[in-house]
Amino acid sequence: MVFINRLLDEREVTEDGKPIGLHPANDLNNHYTPMDFIQMVEKIEKEHNAARLIAMPTDQTYNKYMVEVLPDFDSYVQELRKILLNILIGLAKSLKLVNRQSLSQYQ
């Protein structure tokens, strides 16, 4: 989610139609090795048509990955949010059951 959150943030301040520059350390906190980053973005492009890597970090890109946001990006973000919400709901239900069970032994 670090990658998606950074794309969301940077899209707000990037001119429409321009690629988004993400610095491996400053923007992505070194969460991804170059190979992992490439594979992740390729997968997001192929499976969700949400983002495309158009340039690797070089002096010409100010040492940033250049990423193009694709047409299905917003629907991909919505899909991720639904998944995360379902996970949180499941965790909340589990915690409630655990708390009820653990409290019952003291009654």
C-alpha atoms as a PDB file:
ATOM      1  CA  MET A   1       0.000   0.000   0.000  1.00  0.00           C
ATOM      2  CA  VAL A   2       2.986   2.340   0.361  1.00  0.00           C
ATOM      3  CA  PHE A   3       3.201   2.545  -3.427  1.00  0.00           C
ATOM      4  CA  ILE A   4      -0.518   3.167  -3.959  1.00  0.00           C
ATOM      5  CA  ASN A   5      -0.708   5.738  -1.169  1.00  0.00           C
ATOM      6  CA  ARG A   6       2.262   7.642  -2.614  1.00  0.00           C
ATOM      7  CA  LEU A   7       0.675   7.598  -6.071  1.00  0.00           C
ATOM      8  CA  LEU A   8      -2.533   8.994  -4.600  1.00  0.00           C
ATOM      9  CA  ASP A   9      -0.641  11.761  -2.787  1.00  0.00           C
ATOM     10  CA  GLU A  10       1.596  12.667  -5.705  1.00  0.00           C
ATOM     11  CA  ARG A  11      -1.253  12.615  -8.224  1.00  0.00           C
ATOM     12  CA  GLU A  12      -2.804  15.517  -6.342  1.00  0.00           C
ATOM     13  CA  VAL A  13       0.227  17.728  -7.023  1.00  0.00           C
ATOM     14  CA  THR A  14       1.232  16.390 -10.449  1.00  0.00           C
ATOM     15  CA  GLU A  15      -0.029  18.031 -13.610  1.00  0.00           C
ATOM     16  CA  ASP A  16      -2.681  15.947 -15.416  1.00  0.00           C
ATOM     17  CA  GLY A  17      -1.205  13.656 -18.022  1.00  0.00           C
ATOM     18  CA  LYS A  18       2.319  13.873 -16.586  1.00  0.00           C
ATOM     19  CA  PRO A  19       4.043  10.840 -15.061  1.00  0.00           C
ATOM     20  CA  ILE A  20       4.475  10.714 -11.317  1.00  0.00           C
ATOM     21  CA  GLY A  21       8.032  10.637  -9.991  1.00  0.00           C
ATOM     22  CA  LEU A  22       8.672   8.466  -6.929  1.00  0.00           C
ATOM     23  CA  HIS A  23      12.068   8.431  -5.285  1.00  0.00           C
ATOM     24  CA  PRO A  24      13.013   4.956  -3.953  1.00  0.00           C
ATOM     25  CA  ALA A  25      14.156   6.298  -0.573  1.00  0.00           C
ATOM     26  CA  ASN A  26      12.381   9.611  -0.068  1.00  0.00           C
ATOM     27  CA  ASP A  27       8.941   8.608  -1.380  1.00  0.00           C
ATOM     28  CA  LEU A  28       8.922   4.831  -0.966  1.00  0.00           C
ATOM     29  CA  ASN A  29      11.101   4.555   2.168  1.00  0.00           C
ATOM     30  CA  ASN A  30      13.196   1.834   0.500  1.00  0.00           C
ATOM     31  CA  HIS A  31      10.277  -0.597   0.895  1.00  0.00           C
ATOM     32  CA  TYR A  32      11.026  -2.210  -2.468  1.00  0.00           C
ATOM     33  CA  THR A  33      14.126  -3.550  -4.157  1.00  0.00           C
ATOM     34  CA  PRO A  34      14.314  -2.448  -7.800  1.00  0.00           C
ATOM     35  CA  MET A  35      13.287  -5.924  -9.017  1.00  0.00           C
ATOM     36  CA  ASP A  36      10.392  -6.148  -6.553  1.00  0.00           C
ATOM     37  CA  PHE A  37       9.199  -2.700  -7.594  1.00  0.00           C
ATOM     38  CA  ILE A  38       9.339  -3.566 -11.298  1.00  0.00           C
ATOM     39  CA  GLN A  39       7.474  -6.842 -10.761  1.00  0.00           C
ATOM     40  CA  MET A  40       4.840  -5.203  -8.558  1.00  0.00           C
ATOM     41  CA  VAL A  41       4.106  -2.423 -11.050  1.00  0.00           C
ATOM     42  CA  GLU A  42       4.057  -4.883 -13.969  1.00  0.00           C
ATOM     43  CA  LYS A  43       1.529  -7.011 -12.101  1.00  0.00           C
ATOM     44  CA  ILE A  44      -0.647  -3.976 -11.293  1.00  0.00           C
ATOM     45  CA  GLU A  45      -0.504  -2.954 -14.955  1.00  0.00           C
ATOM     46  CA  LYS A  46      -1.329  -6.404 -16.356  1.00  0.00           C
ATOM     47  CA  GLU A  47      -3.969  -7.434 -13.839  1.00  0.00           C
ATOM     48  CA  HIS A  48      -5.634  -4.101 -13.079  1.00  0.00           C
ATOM     49  CA  ASN A  49      -4.605  -1.576 -15.769  1.00  0.00           C
ATOM     50  CA  ALA A  50      -3.906   0.836 -12.903  1.00  0.00           C
ATOM     51  CA  ALA A  51      -0.251   1.960 -13.225  1.00  0.00           C
ATOM     52  CA  ARG A  52       2.702   1.569 -15.593  1.00  0.00           C
ATOM     53  CA  LEU A  53       6.404   2.012 -14.941  1.00  0.00           C
ATOM     54  CA  ILE A  54       7.757   4.188 -17.750  1.00  0.00           C
ATOM     55  CA  ALA A  55      11.273   4.953 -16.467  1.00  0.00           C
ATOM     56  CA  MET A  56      13.749   3.706 -13.907  1.00  0.00           C
ATOM     57  CA  PRO A  57      15.656   6.096 -11.627  1.00  0.00           C
ATOM     58  CA  THR A  58      18.352   7.943 -13.575  1.00  0.00           C
ATOM     59  CA  ASP A  59      19.983  11.356 -13.471  1.00  0.00           C
ATOM     60  CA  GLN A  60      17.418  12.485 -16.078  1.00  0.00           C
ATOM     61  CA  THR A  61      14.510  11.496 -13.801  1.00  0.00           C
ATOM     62  CA  TYR A  62      16.104  13.017 -10.675  1.00  0.00           C
ATOM     63  CA  ASN A  63      16.716   9.447  -9.495  1.00  0.00           C
ATOM     64  CA  LYS A  64      12.995   8.711  -9.432  1.00  0.00           C
ATOM     65  CA  TYR A  65      10.856   5.958 -10.849  1.00  0.00           C
ATOM     66  CA  MET A  66       8.485   7.520 -13.369  1.00  0.00           C
ATOM     67  CA  VAL A  67       5.017   6.001 -13.138  1.00  0.00           C
ATOM     68  CA  GLU A  68       2.023   6.602 -15.360  1.00  0.00           C
ATOM     69  CA  VAL A  69      -1.409   6.357 -13.742  1.00  0.00           C
ATOM     70  CA  LEU A  70      -3.677   4.328 -16.048  1.00  0.00           C
ATOM     71  CA  PRO A  71      -7.458   4.588 -16.587  1.00  0.00           C
ATOM     72  CA  ASP A  72      -8.467   1.914 -14.057  1.00  0.00           C
ATOM     73  CA  PHE A  73      -6.373   3.301 -11.189  1.00  0.00           C
ATOM     74  CA  ASP A  74      -9.312   4.729  -9.244  1.00  0.00           C
ATOM     75  CA  SER A  75     -11.337   1.505  -9.499  1.00  0.00           C
ATOM     76  CA  TYR A  76      -8.247  -0.447  -8.364  1.00  0.00           C
ATOM     77  CA  VAL A  77      -7.912   1.819  -5.321  1.00  0.00           C
ATOM     78  CA  GLN A  78     -11.611   1.293  -4.526  1.00  0.00           C
ATOM     79  CA  GLU A  79     -11.122  -2.474  -4.823  1.00  0.00           C
ATOM     80  CA  LEU A  80      -8.170  -2.338  -2.404  1.00  0.00           C
ATOM     81  CA  ARG A  81     -10.156  -0.227   0.052  1.00  0.00           C
ATOM     82  CA  LYS A  82     -13.036  -2.729   0.012  1.00  0.00           C
ATOM     83  CA  ILE A  83     -10.615  -5.588   0.668  1.00  0.00           C
ATOM     84  CA  LEU A  84      -8.979  -3.731   3.551  1.00  0.00           C
ATOM     85  CA  LEU A  85     -12.355  -2.788   5.008  1.00  0.00           C
ATOM     86  CA  ASN A  86     -13.474  -6.432   4.937  1.00  0.00           C
ATOM     87  CA  ILE A  87     -10.247  -7.461   6.663  1.00  0.00           C
ATOM     88  CA  LEU A  88     -10.773  -4.822   9.355  1.00  0.00           C
ATOM     89  CA  ILE A  89     -14.384  -5.874   9.864  1.00  0.00           C
ATOM     90  CA  GLY A  90     -13.273  -9.496  10.201  1.00  0.00           C
ATOM     91  CA  LEU A  91     -10.613  -8.526  12.732  1.00  0.00           C
ATOM     92  CA  ALA A  92     -13.075  -6.454  14.717  1.00  0.00           C
ATOM     93  CA  LYS A  93     -15.529  -9.349  14.841  1.00  0.00           C
ATOM     94  CA  SER A  94     -12.763 -11.735  15.902  1.00  0.00           C
ATOM     95  CA  LEU A  95     -11.602  -9.429  18.654  1.00  0.00           C
ATOM     96  CA  LYS A  96     -15.129  -9.039  19.936  1.00  0.00           C
ATOM     97  CA  LEU A  97     -15.536 -12.833  20.094  1.00  0.00           C
ATOM     98  CA  VAL A  98     -12.189 -13.244  21.808  1.00  0.00           C
ATOM     99  CA  ASN A  99     -13.057 -10.570  24.344  1.00  0.00           C
ATOM    100  CA  ARG A 100     -16.456 -12.137  25.073  1.00  0.00           C
ATOM    101  CA  GLN A 101     -14.894 -15.575  25.531  1.00  0.00           C
ATOM    102  CA  SER A 102     -12.087 -14.326  27.703  1.00  0.00           C
ATOM    103  CA  LEU A 103     -14.510 -12.314  29.857  1.00  0.00           C
ATOM    104  CA  SER A 104     -16.845 -15.279  30.357  1.00  0.00           C
ATOM    105  CA  GLN A 105     -14.221 -17.159  32.369  1.00  0.00           C
ATOM    106  CA  TYR A 106     -14.274 -14.349  34.977  1.00  0.00           C
ATOM    107  CA  GLN A 107     -18.081 -14.326  35.431  1.00  0.00           C
END
